[in-house]
């Protein structure tokens, strides 16, 4: 089996990580867990509310309420990915032990390159994996992610465009909050592109995407397989929780200052979020309760990715209550 190693230039590790994007290389191209055949079987191994898919024919600045869906089951999407014009995401693949080992091995290679003996020492906590399968010429709209991300590309070609999170002319404080607690898609304008850091990715390439840096991706003329290897530090988890509490309070008509403007009040809200997450944690083992919790905390549209038209998919969602 191919060793799961990520190779990063020394200058990137010392000067850019974890605050700026940079190019990486990796050894996962021929890994048996990352082939289409193996990914088809993954459909049966992950909870169904952890599989999101839609048409790949979307705009860079895609209205989240108008994302076109496709009438196929997830396994059918993977099998026909070369022709079905789709985009599919497996969330939280670390719930499958073999994939967790892959993620941890890859991050351990980075930890050791930084001089640490373990993932914990390097600050790699809350490790998660997101596996993407896309048709030729598919677009992932402009959006942000709530974690740091080592993105490794396995098959095909894609162009990856990343934008500076510190530039509020690209995404405002309100836009960042909405991207965290509502729908991840953001409004993109062509004028942003002059400020993009862009990478053309071939198999074996990848890039580091810092926390909350907006980005969008488009595949080339072949189907694509990619893996996002992510983690959250305690500081990142707290900042995400603060945005969530701010949004929740704002929904009750209580306007909130941006994070950092009232540190003492921020600390109270972070403590509340930690307590609430601890109470909710035992409930998240049920797919049904996860859906309920998302709706309660994030609103009525929080389960948007479960809106699949295929009757066989709907039947599977109704019977799936697997532990995360």
C-alpha atoms as a PDB file:
ATOM      1  CA  UNK A   1       0.000   0.000   0.000  1.00  0.00           C
ATOM      2  CA  UNK A   2       1.267   3.480  -0.887  1.00  0.00           C
ATOM      3  CA  UNK A   3       2.628   5.394   2.097  1.00  0.00           C
ATOM      4  CA  UNK A   4       0.401   8.340   3.027  1.00  0.00           C
ATOM      5  CA  UNK A   5       2.910  11.156   2.968  1.00  0.00           C
ATOM      6  CA  UNK A   6       2.553  14.883   2.364  1.00  0.00           C
ATOM      7  CA  UNK A   7       5.608  16.802   1.209  1.00  0.00           C
ATOM      8  CA  UNK A   8       5.870  20.515   2.013  1.00  0.00           C
ATOM      9  CA  UNK A   9       8.767  22.852   1.262  1.00  0.00           C
ATOM     10  CA  UNK A  10      10.690  23.954   4.362  1.00  0.00           C
ATOM     11  CA  UNK A  11      10.020  27.609   3.578  1.00  0.00           C
ATOM     12  CA  UNK A  12       6.261  26.992   3.528  1.00  0.00           C
ATOM     13  CA  UNK A  13       6.390  25.186   6.870  1.00  0.00           C
ATOM     14  CA  UNK A  14       8.414  27.933   8.535  1.00  0.00           C
ATOM     15  CA  UNK A  15       7.024  31.052   6.859  1.00  0.00           C
ATOM     16  CA  UNK A  16       3.456  30.347   5.692  1.00  0.00           C
ATOM     17  CA  UNK A  17       1.917  27.554   7.782  1.00  0.00           C
ATOM     18  CA  UNK A  18      -0.841  27.912   8.979  1.00  0.00           C
ATOM     19  CA  UNK A  19      -1.638  31.475   7.896  1.00  0.00           C
ATOM     20  CA  UNK A  20      -1.029  31.487   4.129  1.00  0.00           C
ATOM     21  CA  UNK A  21      -1.808  29.042   1.293  1.00  0.00           C
ATOM     22  CA  UNK A  22       0.981  27.120  -0.413  1.00  0.00           C
ATOM     23  CA  UNK A  23       1.495  24.247  -2.838  1.00  0.00           C
ATOM     24  CA  UNK A  24       2.163  20.698  -1.590  1.00  0.00           C
ATOM     25  CA  UNK A  25       3.017  17.287  -3.032  1.00  0.00           C
ATOM     26  CA  UNK A  26       1.826  13.890  -1.802  1.00  0.00           C
ATOM     27  CA  UNK A  27       2.168  10.142  -2.364  1.00  0.00           C
ATOM     28  CA  UNK A  28      -1.510   9.133  -2.375  1.00  0.00           C
ATOM     29  CA  UNK A  29      -2.199   8.921  -6.112  1.00  0.00           C
ATOM     30  CA  UNK A  30      -2.190   5.109  -6.200  1.00  0.00           C
ATOM     31  CA  UNK A  31      -3.690   4.550  -2.762  1.00  0.00           C
ATOM     32  CA  UNK A  32      -6.299   1.728  -2.897  1.00  0.00           C
ATOM     33  CA  UNK A  33      -8.759   3.670  -0.725  1.00  0.00           C
ATOM     34  CA  UNK A  34      -8.912   6.440  -3.322  1.00  0.00           C
ATOM     35  CA  UNK A  35     -10.004   4.557  -6.446  1.00  0.00           C
ATOM     36  CA  UNK A  36     -13.483   4.809  -7.987  1.00  0.00           C
ATOM     37  CA  UNK A  37     -14.125   1.122  -7.302  1.00  0.00           C
ATOM     38  CA  UNK A  38     -13.359   1.531  -3.597  1.00  0.00           C
ATOM     39  CA  UNK A  39     -15.301   4.773  -3.389  1.00  0.00           C
ATOM     40  CA  UNK A  40     -18.446   3.068  -4.722  1.00  0.00           C
ATOM     41  CA  UNK A  41     -18.368   0.725  -1.741  1.00  0.00           C
ATOM     42  CA  UNK A  42     -17.852   3.689   0.598  1.00  0.00           C
ATOM     43  CA  UNK A  43     -21.471   4.657  -0.104  1.00  0.00           C
ATOM     44  CA  UNK A  44     -22.528   1.715   2.072  1.00  0.00           C
ATOM     45  CA  UNK A  45     -20.067   2.521   4.877  1.00  0.00           C
ATOM     46  CA  UNK A  46     -20.810   6.132   5.775  1.00  0.00           C
ATOM     47  CA  UNK A  47     -24.076   7.514   7.181  1.00  0.00           C
ATOM     48  CA  UNK A  48     -26.288   8.767   4.369  1.00  0.00           C
ATOM     49  CA  UNK A  49     -26.505  12.271   5.831  1.00  0.00           C
ATOM     50  CA  UNK A  50     -22.751  12.490   5.280  1.00  0.00           C
ATOM     51  CA  UNK A  51     -23.105  12.223   1.474  1.00  0.00           C
ATOM     52  CA  UNK A  52     -23.874  15.413  -0.432  1.00  0.00           C
ATOM     53  CA  UNK A  53     -24.208  15.644  -4.192  1.00  0.00           C
ATOM     54  CA  UNK A  54     -25.681  17.792  -6.928  1.00  0.00           C
ATOM     55  CA  UNK A  55     -25.096  18.801 -10.519  1.00  0.00           C
ATOM     56  CA  UNK A  56     -21.580  19.976 -11.306  1.00  0.00           C
ATOM     57  CA  UNK A  57     -23.020  22.548 -13.734  1.00  0.00           C
ATOM     58  CA  UNK A  58     -23.229  25.400 -11.245  1.00  0.00           C
ATOM     59  CA  UNK A  59     -22.035  28.997 -11.182  1.00  0.00           C
ATOM     60  CA  UNK A  60     -18.981  30.196  -9.279  1.00  0.00           C
ATOM     61  CA  UNK A  61     -21.343  32.559  -7.454  1.00  0.00           C
ATOM     62  CA  UNK A  62     -24.093  29.966  -7.044  1.00  0.00           C
ATOM     63  CA  UNK A  63     -27.329  30.872  -5.275  1.00  0.00           C
ATOM     64  CA  UNK A  64     -27.544  28.224  -2.531  1.00  0.00           C
ATOM     65  CA  UNK A  65     -31.324  28.060  -2.940  1.00  0.00           C
ATOM     66  CA  UNK A  66     -31.046  27.175  -6.613  1.00  0.00           C
ATOM     67  CA  UNK A  67     -28.397  24.454  -6.711  1.00  0.00           C
ATOM     68  CA  UNK A  68     -29.487  21.944  -9.405  1.00  0.00           C
ATOM     69  CA  UNK A  69     -29.844  18.364  -8.200  1.00  0.00           C
ATOM     70  CA  UNK A  70     -29.512  15.104 -10.121  1.00  0.00           C
ATOM     71  CA  UNK A  71     -31.814  12.083 -10.027  1.00  0.00           C
ATOM     72  CA  UNK A  72     -29.249   9.410  -9.190  1.00  0.00           C
ATOM     73  CA  UNK A  73     -28.225   7.494  -6.084  1.00  0.00           C
ATOM     74  CA  UNK A  74     -24.739   8.190  -4.681  1.00  0.00           C
ATOM     75  CA  UNK A  75     -23.316   4.870  -5.910  1.00  0.00           C
ATOM     76  CA  UNK A  76     -24.711   5.570  -9.374  1.00  0.00           C
ATOM     77  CA  UNK A  77     -23.118   9.016  -9.321  1.00  0.00           C
ATOM     78  CA  UNK A  78     -19.696   7.525  -8.617  1.00  0.00           C
ATOM     79  CA  UNK A  79     -20.084   4.766 -11.207  1.00  0.00           C
ATOM     80  CA  UNK A  80     -21.114   7.226 -13.914  1.00  0.00           C
ATOM     81  CA  UNK A  81     -18.982  10.178 -12.806  1.00  0.00           C
ATOM     82  CA  UNK A  82     -17.342  10.532 -16.231  1.00  0.00           C
ATOM     83  CA  UNK A  83     -20.682  11.332 -17.893  1.00  0.00           C
ATOM     84  CA  UNK A  84     -23.288  12.367 -15.289  1.00  0.00           C
ATOM     85  CA  UNK A  85     -22.190  16.009 -14.806  1.00  0.00           C
ATOM     86  CA  UNK A  86     -22.128  15.677 -11.028  1.00  0.00           C
ATOM     87  CA  UNK A  87     -20.265  16.792  -7.926  1.00  0.00           C
ATOM     88  CA  UNK A  88     -20.270  14.480  -4.898  1.00  0.00           C
ATOM     89  CA  UNK A  89     -18.831  14.838  -1.401  1.00  0.00           C
ATOM     90  CA  UNK A  90     -18.356  12.193   1.299  1.00  0.00           C
ATOM     91  CA  UNK A  91     -18.172  14.055   4.612  1.00  0.00           C
ATOM     92  CA  UNK A  92     -16.366  12.775   7.685  1.00  0.00           C
ATOM     93  CA  UNK A  93     -14.786   9.710   6.062  1.00  0.00           C
ATOM     94  CA  UNK A  94     -12.704   9.296   9.217  1.00  0.00           C
ATOM     95  CA  UNK A  95     -15.747   7.435  10.574  1.00  0.00           C
ATOM     96  CA  UNK A  96     -14.428   4.496   8.506  1.00  0.00           C
ATOM     97  CA  UNK A  97     -11.319   3.146  10.313  1.00  0.00           C
ATOM     98  CA  UNK A  98      -9.211   2.585   7.192  1.00  0.00           C
ATOM     99  CA  UNK A  99      -9.733   6.173   6.085  1.00  0.00           C
ATOM    100  CA  UNK A 100      -8.967   7.471   9.564  1.00  0.00           C
ATOM    101  CA  UNK A 101      -5.607   5.697   9.447  1.00  0.00           C
ATOM    102  CA  UNK A 102      -4.913   7.248   6.040  1.00  0.00           C
ATOM    103  CA  UNK A 103      -5.663  10.752   7.339  1.00  0.00           C
ATOM    104  CA  UNK A 104      -3.587  10.278  10.468  1.00  0.00           C
ATOM    105  CA  UNK A 105      -0.621   8.830   8.576  1.00  0.00           C
ATOM    106  CA  UNK A 106      -0.654  11.758   6.152  1.00  0.00           C
ATOM    107  CA  UNK A 107      -0.824  14.345   8.928  1.00  0.00           C
ATOM    108  CA  UNK A 108       1.846  12.542  10.933  1.00  0.00           C
ATOM    109  CA  UNK A 109       4.252  13.026   8.028  1.00  0.00           C
ATOM    110  CA  UNK A 110       3.595  16.772   8.293  1.00  0.00           C
ATOM    111  CA  UNK A 111       3.925  16.735  12.077  1.00  0.00           C
ATOM    112  CA  UNK A 112       7.318  15.043  11.837  1.00  0.00           C
ATOM    113  CA  UNK A 113       8.471  17.504   9.156  1.00  0.00           C
ATOM    114  CA  UNK A 114       7.653  20.258  11.651  1.00  0.00           C
ATOM    115  CA  UNK A 115       9.697  18.527  14.349  1.00  0.00           C
ATOM    116  CA  UNK A 116       6.880  16.918  16.361  1.00  0.00           C
ATOM    117  CA  UNK A 117       6.652  13.281  17.384  1.00  0.00           C
ATOM    118  CA  UNK A 118       2.854  13.006  17.434  1.00  0.00           C
ATOM    119  CA  UNK A 119      -0.314  14.493  15.975  1.00  0.00           C
ATOM    120  CA  UNK A 120      -1.310  15.868  19.378  1.00  0.00           C
ATOM    121  CA  UNK A 121       2.017  17.601  19.869  1.00  0.00           C
ATOM    122  CA  UNK A 122       1.642  19.232  16.439  1.00  0.00           C
ATOM    123  CA  UNK A 123      -1.854  20.506  17.280  1.00  0.00           C
ATOM    124  CA  UNK A 124      -3.669  18.240  14.803  1.00  0.00           C
ATOM    125  CA  UNK A 125      -6.915  17.629  16.682  1.00  0.00           C
ATOM    126  CA  UNK A 126     -10.491  16.973  15.548  1.00  0.00           C
ATOM    127  CA  UNK A 127      -9.128  15.356  12.380  1.00  0.00           C
ATOM    128  CA  UNK A 128     -11.702  14.915   9.620  1.00  0.00           C
ATOM    129  CA  UNK A 129     -11.664  13.857   5.972  1.00  0.00           C
ATOM    130  CA  UNK A 130     -13.786  15.018   3.029  1.00  0.00           C
ATOM    131  CA  UNK A 131     -13.606  12.993  -0.180  1.00  0.00           C
ATOM    132  CA  UNK A 132     -14.666  14.627  -3.462  1.00  0.00           C
ATOM    133  CA  UNK A 133     -15.620  12.980  -6.759  1.00  0.00           C
ATOM    134  CA  UNK A 134     -16.437  15.319  -9.653  1.00  0.00           C
ATOM    135  CA  UNK A 135     -17.325  15.012 -13.311  1.00  0.00           C
ATOM    136  CA  UNK A 136     -15.324  16.713 -16.054  1.00  0.00           C
ATOM    137  CA  UNK A 137     -15.767  20.499 -16.198  1.00  0.00           C
ATOM    138  CA  UNK A 138     -17.568  20.619 -12.845  1.00  0.00           C
ATOM    139  CA  UNK A 139     -17.488  23.646 -10.561  1.00  0.00           C
ATOM    140  CA  UNK A 140     -17.350  23.892  -6.780  1.00  0.00           C
ATOM    141  CA  UNK A 141     -18.806  27.358  -6.034  1.00  0.00           C
ATOM    142  CA  UNK A 142     -17.087  30.142  -4.106  1.00  0.00           C
ATOM    143  CA  UNK A 143     -17.251  29.218  -0.420  1.00  0.00           C
ATOM    144  CA  UNK A 144     -15.295  28.981   2.821  1.00  0.00           C
ATOM    145  CA  UNK A 145     -14.487  26.095   5.164  1.00  0.00           C
ATOM    146  CA  UNK A 146     -14.462  26.055   8.954  1.00  0.00           C
ATOM    147  CA  UNK A 147     -11.151  24.249   9.391  1.00  0.00           C
ATOM    148  CA  UNK A 148      -7.557  24.163   8.134  1.00  0.00           C
ATOM    149  CA  UNK A 149      -7.242  21.960   5.080  1.00  0.00           C
ATOM    150  CA  UNK A 150      -4.458  20.057   3.348  1.00  0.00           C
ATOM    151  CA  UNK A 151      -6.116  19.375  -0.002  1.00  0.00           C
ATOM    152  CA  UNK A 152      -4.617  16.477  -1.980  1.00  0.00           C
ATOM    153  CA  UNK A 153      -5.524  15.812  -5.598  1.00  0.00           C
ATOM    154  CA  UNK A 154      -5.684  12.200  -6.801  1.00  0.00           C
ATOM    155  CA  UNK A 155      -7.103  11.967 -10.327  1.00  0.00           C
ATOM    156  CA  UNK A 156      -7.729  14.351 -13.218  1.00  0.00           C
ATOM    157  CA  UNK A 157      -6.895  18.033 -13.267  1.00  0.00           C
ATOM    158  CA  UNK A 158      -8.452  20.983 -11.496  1.00  0.00           C
ATOM    159  CA  UNK A 159      -7.870  24.679 -10.955  1.00  0.00           C
ATOM    160  CA  UNK A 160      -8.037  25.836  -7.344  1.00  0.00           C
ATOM    161  CA  UNK A 161      -8.473  29.556  -6.568  1.00  0.00           C
ATOM    162  CA  UNK A 162      -7.959  30.857  -3.000  1.00  0.00           C
ATOM    163  CA  UNK A 163      -8.668  34.378  -1.691  1.00  0.00           C
ATOM    164  CA  UNK A 164      -7.297  36.237   1.330  1.00  0.00           C
ATOM    165  CA  UNK A 165      -9.597  35.947   4.333  1.00  0.00           C
ATOM    166  CA  UNK A 166      -8.210  39.222   5.745  1.00  0.00           C
ATOM    167  CA  UNK A 167      -9.585  41.235   2.807  1.00  0.00           C
ATOM    168  CA  UNK A 168     -13.069  42.362   3.843  1.00  0.00           C
ATOM    169  CA  UNK A 169     -13.691  43.745   0.347  1.00  0.00           C
ATOM    170  CA  UNK A 170     -14.011  40.085  -0.708  1.00  0.00           C
ATOM    171  CA  UNK A 171     -16.024  38.641   2.185  1.00  0.00           C
ATOM    172  CA  UNK A 172     -17.483  40.794   4.971  1.00  0.00           C
ATOM    173  CA  UNK A 173     -17.757  39.814   8.624  1.00  0.00           C
ATOM    174  CA  UNK A 174     -21.453  39.090   8.030  1.00  0.00           C
ATOM    175  CA  UNK A 175     -20.578  36.953   5.019  1.00  0.00           C
ATOM    176  CA  UNK A 176     -18.092  34.918   7.035  1.00  0.00           C
ATOM    177  CA  UNK A 177     -20.686  34.276   9.735  1.00  0.00           C
ATOM    178  CA  UNK A 178     -23.277  33.241   7.164  1.00  0.00           C
ATOM    179  CA  UNK A 179     -20.759  30.918   5.500  1.00  0.00           C
ATOM    180  CA  UNK A 180     -20.142  29.191   8.828  1.00  0.00           C
ATOM    181  CA  UNK A 181     -23.644  28.828  10.220  1.00  0.00           C
ATOM    182  CA  UNK A 182     -25.933  28.908   7.160  1.00  0.00           C
ATOM    183  CA  UNK A 183     -24.883  27.880   3.653  1.00  0.00           C
ATOM    184  CA  UNK A 184     -21.192  27.768   2.799  1.00  0.00           C
ATOM    185  CA  UNK A 185     -21.641  29.412  -0.652  1.00  0.00           C
ATOM    186  CA  UNK A 186     -20.557  33.047  -0.920  1.00  0.00           C
ATOM    187  CA  UNK A 187     -21.150  35.806  -3.452  1.00  0.00           C
ATOM    188  CA  UNK A 188     -18.289  35.990  -5.948  1.00  0.00           C
ATOM    189  CA  UNK A 189     -17.525  38.953  -8.179  1.00  0.00           C
ATOM    190  CA  UNK A 190     -15.081  38.878 -11.128  1.00  0.00           C
ATOM    191  CA  UNK A 191     -13.111  41.763  -9.606  1.00  0.00           C
ATOM    192  CA  UNK A 192     -12.000  39.407  -6.823  1.00  0.00           C
ATOM    193  CA  UNK A 193      -9.942  37.292  -9.217  1.00  0.00           C
ATOM    194  CA  UNK A 194      -7.049  39.744  -9.422  1.00  0.00           C
ATOM    195  CA  UNK A 195      -6.420  38.933  -5.749  1.00  0.00           C
ATOM    196  CA  UNK A 196      -6.595  35.137  -6.068  1.00  0.00           C
ATOM    197  CA  UNK A 197      -3.808  32.656  -5.407  1.00  0.00           C
ATOM    198  CA  UNK A 198      -4.364  29.969  -8.045  1.00  0.00           C
ATOM    199  CA  UNK A 199      -3.036  26.431  -8.425  1.00  0.00           C
ATOM    200  CA  UNK A 200      -3.389  24.099 -11.394  1.00  0.00           C
ATOM    201  CA  UNK A 201      -3.459  20.685  -9.737  1.00  0.00           C
ATOM    202  CA  UNK A 202      -2.351  17.422 -11.337  1.00  0.00           C
ATOM    203  CA  UNK A 203      -2.382  13.998  -9.620  1.00  0.00           C
ATOM    204  CA  UNK A 204       0.149  14.161  -6.794  1.00  0.00           C
ATOM    205  CA  UNK A 205      -0.334  17.918  -6.317  1.00  0.00           C
ATOM    206  CA  UNK A 206      -2.230  19.706  -3.593  1.00  0.00           C
ATOM    207  CA  UNK A 207      -2.445  22.914  -1.618  1.00  0.00           C
ATOM    208  CA  UNK A 208      -2.937  24.171   1.906  1.00  0.00           C
ATOM    209  CA  UNK A 209      -6.148  26.153   2.464  1.00  0.00           C
ATOM    210  CA  UNK A 210      -6.084  28.176   5.696  1.00  0.00           C
ATOM    211  CA  UNK A 211      -9.079  28.488   7.993  1.00  0.00           C
ATOM    212  CA  UNK A 212     -11.915  30.561   6.466  1.00  0.00           C
ATOM    213  CA  UNK A 213     -10.005  31.493   3.280  1.00  0.00           C
ATOM    214  CA  UNK A 214     -12.641  31.598   0.495  1.00  0.00           C
ATOM    215  CA  UNK A 215     -12.024  29.496  -2.603  1.00  0.00           C
ATOM    216  CA  UNK A 216     -13.627  27.927  -5.663  1.00  0.00           C
ATOM    217  CA  UNK A 217     -12.577  25.027  -7.882  1.00  0.00           C
ATOM    218  CA  UNK A 218     -13.181  23.797 -11.412  1.00  0.00           C
ATOM    219  CA  UNK A 219     -12.196  20.444 -12.888  1.00  0.00           C
ATOM    220  CA  UNK A 220     -10.746  19.996 -16.377  1.00  0.00           C
ATOM    221  CA  UNK A 221     -11.695  17.477 -19.061  1.00  0.00           C
ATOM    222  CA  UNK A 222     -11.447  14.348 -16.896  1.00  0.00           C
ATOM    223  CA  UNK A 223     -13.274  13.173 -13.810  1.00  0.00           C
ATOM    224  CA  UNK A 224     -11.656  14.191 -10.545  1.00  0.00           C
ATOM    225  CA  UNK A 225     -10.930  12.589  -7.176  1.00  0.00           C
ATOM    226  CA  UNK A 226      -9.601  14.726  -4.322  1.00  0.00           C
ATOM    227  CA  UNK A 227      -9.323  14.470  -0.547  1.00  0.00           C
ATOM    228  CA  UNK A 228      -9.432  17.285   2.004  1.00  0.00           C
ATOM    229  CA  UNK A 229      -7.481  16.366   5.151  1.00  0.00           C
ATOM    230  CA  UNK A 230      -8.657  18.764   7.840  1.00  0.00           C
ATOM    231  CA  UNK A 231      -8.280  19.529  11.516  1.00  0.00           C
ATOM    232  CA  UNK A 232      -9.514  22.080  14.020  1.00  0.00           C
ATOM    233  CA  UNK A 233      -7.478  23.545  16.853  1.00  0.00           C
ATOM    234  CA  UNK A 234      -9.243  24.556  20.043  1.00  0.00           C
ATOM    235  CA  UNK A 235      -9.010  28.200  18.935  1.00  0.00           C
ATOM    236  CA  UNK A 236     -10.728  27.365  15.637  1.00  0.00           C
ATOM    237  CA  UNK A 237     -13.490  25.413  17.377  1.00  0.00           C
ATOM    238  CA  UNK A 238     -14.070  28.333  19.729  1.00  0.00           C
ATOM    239  CA  UNK A 239     -14.194  30.867  16.896  1.00  0.00           C
ATOM    240  CA  UNK A 240     -16.704  28.711  15.002  1.00  0.00           C
ATOM    241  CA  UNK A 241     -18.790  28.413  18.156  1.00  0.00           C
ATOM    242  CA  UNK A 242     -18.684  32.159  18.693  1.00  0.00           C
ATOM    243  CA  UNK A 243     -19.989  32.773  15.185  1.00  0.00           C
ATOM    244  CA  UNK A 244     -22.755  30.235  15.777  1.00  0.00           C
ATOM    245  CA  UNK A 245     -23.875  31.848  19.049  1.00  0.00           C
ATOM    246  CA  UNK A 246     -23.736  35.318  17.478  1.00  0.00           C
ATOM    247  CA  UNK A 247     -25.947  34.141  14.625  1.00  0.00           C
ATOM    248  CA  UNK A 248     -28.362  32.448  17.017  1.00  0.00           C
ATOM    249  CA  UNK A 249     -28.691  35.580  19.166  1.00  0.00           C
ATOM    250  CA  UNK A 250     -29.090  37.768  16.091  1.00  0.00           C
ATOM    251  CA  UNK A 251     -31.968  35.536  15.023  1.00  0.00           C
ATOM    252  CA  UNK A 252     -33.745  36.581  18.218  1.00  0.00           C
ATOM    253  CA  UNK A 253     -33.336  40.248  17.310  1.00  0.00           C
ATOM    254  CA  UNK A 254     -30.170  40.785  19.368  1.00  0.00           C
ATOM    255  CA  UNK A 255     -27.445  42.320  17.148  1.00  0.00           C
ATOM    256  CA  UNK A 256     -23.951  41.124  18.038  1.00  0.00           C
ATOM    257  CA  UNK A 257     -20.518  42.753  17.592  1.00  0.00           C
ATOM    258  CA  UNK A 258     -17.952  41.030  15.397  1.00  0.00           C
ATOM    259  CA  UNK A 259     -15.619  38.586  17.195  1.00  0.00           C
ATOM    260  CA  UNK A 260     -12.830  40.319  19.097  1.00  0.00           C
ATOM    261  CA  UNK A 261     -14.602  43.591  19.770  1.00  0.00           C
ATOM    262  CA  UNK A 262     -15.912  42.549  23.194  1.00  0.00           C
ATOM    263  CA  UNK A 263     -13.468  39.861  24.446  1.00  0.00           C
ATOM    264  CA  UNK A 264     -15.154  39.319  27.819  1.00  0.00           C
ATOM    265  CA  UNK A 265     -18.565  38.789  26.219  1.00  0.00           C
ATOM    266  CA  UNK A 266     -16.966  36.560  23.588  1.00  0.00           C
ATOM    267  CA  UNK A 267     -15.580  34.358  26.378  1.00  0.00           C
ATOM    268  CA  UNK A 268     -19.049  33.932  27.895  1.00  0.00           C
ATOM    269  CA  UNK A 269     -20.522  32.907  24.551  1.00  0.00           C
ATOM    270  CA  UNK A 270     -17.668  30.482  23.882  1.00  0.00           C
ATOM    271  CA  UNK A 271     -18.201  28.855  27.290  1.00  0.00           C
ATOM    272  CA  UNK A 272     -21.919  28.507  26.525  1.00  0.00           C
ATOM    273  CA  UNK A 273     -21.146  26.880  23.179  1.00  0.00           C
ATOM    274  CA  UNK A 274     -18.690  24.405  24.746  1.00  0.00           C
ATOM    275  CA  UNK A 275     -21.334  23.381  27.285  1.00  0.00           C
ATOM    276  CA  UNK A 276     -24.028  23.004  24.635  1.00  0.00           C
ATOM    277  CA  UNK A 277     -21.739  20.877  22.445  1.00  0.00           C
ATOM    278  CA  UNK A 278     -20.909  18.610  25.380  1.00  0.00           C
ATOM    279  CA  UNK A 279     -24.614  18.072  26.042  1.00  0.00           C
ATOM    280  CA  UNK A 280     -25.364  17.418  22.356  1.00  0.00           C
ATOM    281  CA  UNK A 281     -22.398  15.092  21.720  1.00  0.00           C
ATOM    282  CA  UNK A 282     -24.125  11.839  22.834  1.00  0.00           C
ATOM    283  CA  UNK A 283     -27.066  12.608  20.541  1.00  0.00           C
ATOM    284  CA  UNK A 284     -24.975  12.946  17.391  1.00  0.00           C
ATOM    285  CA  UNK A 285     -24.580   9.202  17.003  1.00  0.00           C
ATOM    286  CA  UNK A 286     -28.034   9.072  15.382  1.00  0.00           C
ATOM    287  CA  UNK A 287     -28.549  10.374  11.840  1.00  0.00           C
ATOM    288  CA  UNK A 288     -32.121  11.351  12.739  1.00  0.00           C
ATOM    289  CA  UNK A 289     -31.030  13.326  15.786  1.00  0.00           C
ATOM    290  CA  UNK A 290     -28.237  14.968  13.805  1.00  0.00           C
ATOM    291  CA  UNK A 291     -30.848  16.283  11.396  1.00  0.00           C
ATOM    292  CA  UNK A 292     -32.978  17.554  14.287  1.00  0.00           C
ATOM    293  CA  UNK A 293     -30.002  19.241  15.976  1.00  0.00           C
ATOM    294  CA  UNK A 294     -28.911  20.924  12.747  1.00  0.00           C
ATOM    295  CA  UNK A 295     -32.410  22.309  12.259  1.00  0.00           C
ATOM    296  CA  UNK A 296     -32.683  23.562  15.857  1.00  0.00           C
ATOM    297  CA  UNK A 297     -29.252  25.201  15.932  1.00  0.00           C
ATOM    298  CA  UNK A 298     -28.763  26.339  12.322  1.00  0.00           C
ATOM    299  CA  UNK A 299     -32.317  26.872  11.143  1.00  0.00           C
ATOM    300  CA  UNK A 300     -34.878  25.287   8.843  1.00  0.00           C
ATOM    301  CA  UNK A 301     -32.535  25.167   5.827  1.00  0.00           C
ATOM    302  CA  UNK A 302     -29.645  23.485   7.637  1.00  0.00           C
ATOM    303  CA  UNK A 303     -30.321  20.086   6.061  1.00  0.00           C
ATOM    304  CA  UNK A 304     -30.329  21.419   2.494  1.00  0.00           C
ATOM    305  CA  UNK A 305     -27.903  18.718   1.325  1.00  0.00           C
ATOM    306  CA  UNK A 306     -30.424  15.968   2.124  1.00  0.00           C
ATOM    307  CA  UNK A 307     -32.822  17.191  -0.562  1.00  0.00           C
ATOM    308  CA  UNK A 308     -32.305  14.416  -3.080  1.00  0.00           C
ATOM    309  CA  UNK A 309     -34.997  13.566  -5.649  1.00  0.00           C
ATOM    310  CA  UNK A 310     -34.170   9.916  -6.283  1.00  0.00           C
ATOM    311  CA  UNK A 311     -36.780   7.644  -4.690  1.00  0.00           C
ATOM    312  CA  UNK A 312     -34.185   5.015  -3.788  1.00  0.00           C
ATOM    313  CA  UNK A 313     -32.093   7.690  -2.059  1.00  0.00           C
ATOM    314  CA  UNK A 314     -35.100   8.914  -0.107  1.00  0.00           C
ATOM    315  CA  UNK A 315     -35.870   5.382   1.032  1.00  0.00           C
ATOM    316  CA  UNK A 316     -32.296   4.840   2.179  1.00  0.00           C
ATOM    317  CA  UNK A 317     -32.281   8.130   4.097  1.00  0.00           C
ATOM    318  CA  UNK A 318     -35.461   7.077   5.895  1.00  0.00           C
ATOM    319  CA  UNK A 319     -33.904   3.818   7.069  1.00  0.00           C
ATOM    320  CA  UNK A 320     -30.392   5.103   7.754  1.00  0.00           C
ATOM    321  CA  UNK A 321     -29.792   5.764  11.430  1.00  0.00           C
ATOM    322  CA  UNK A 322     -26.156   4.727  11.580  1.00  0.00           C
ATOM    323  CA  UNK A 323     -23.734   6.015  14.209  1.00  0.00           C
ATOM    324  CA  UNK A 324     -21.309   8.721  13.092  1.00  0.00           C
END
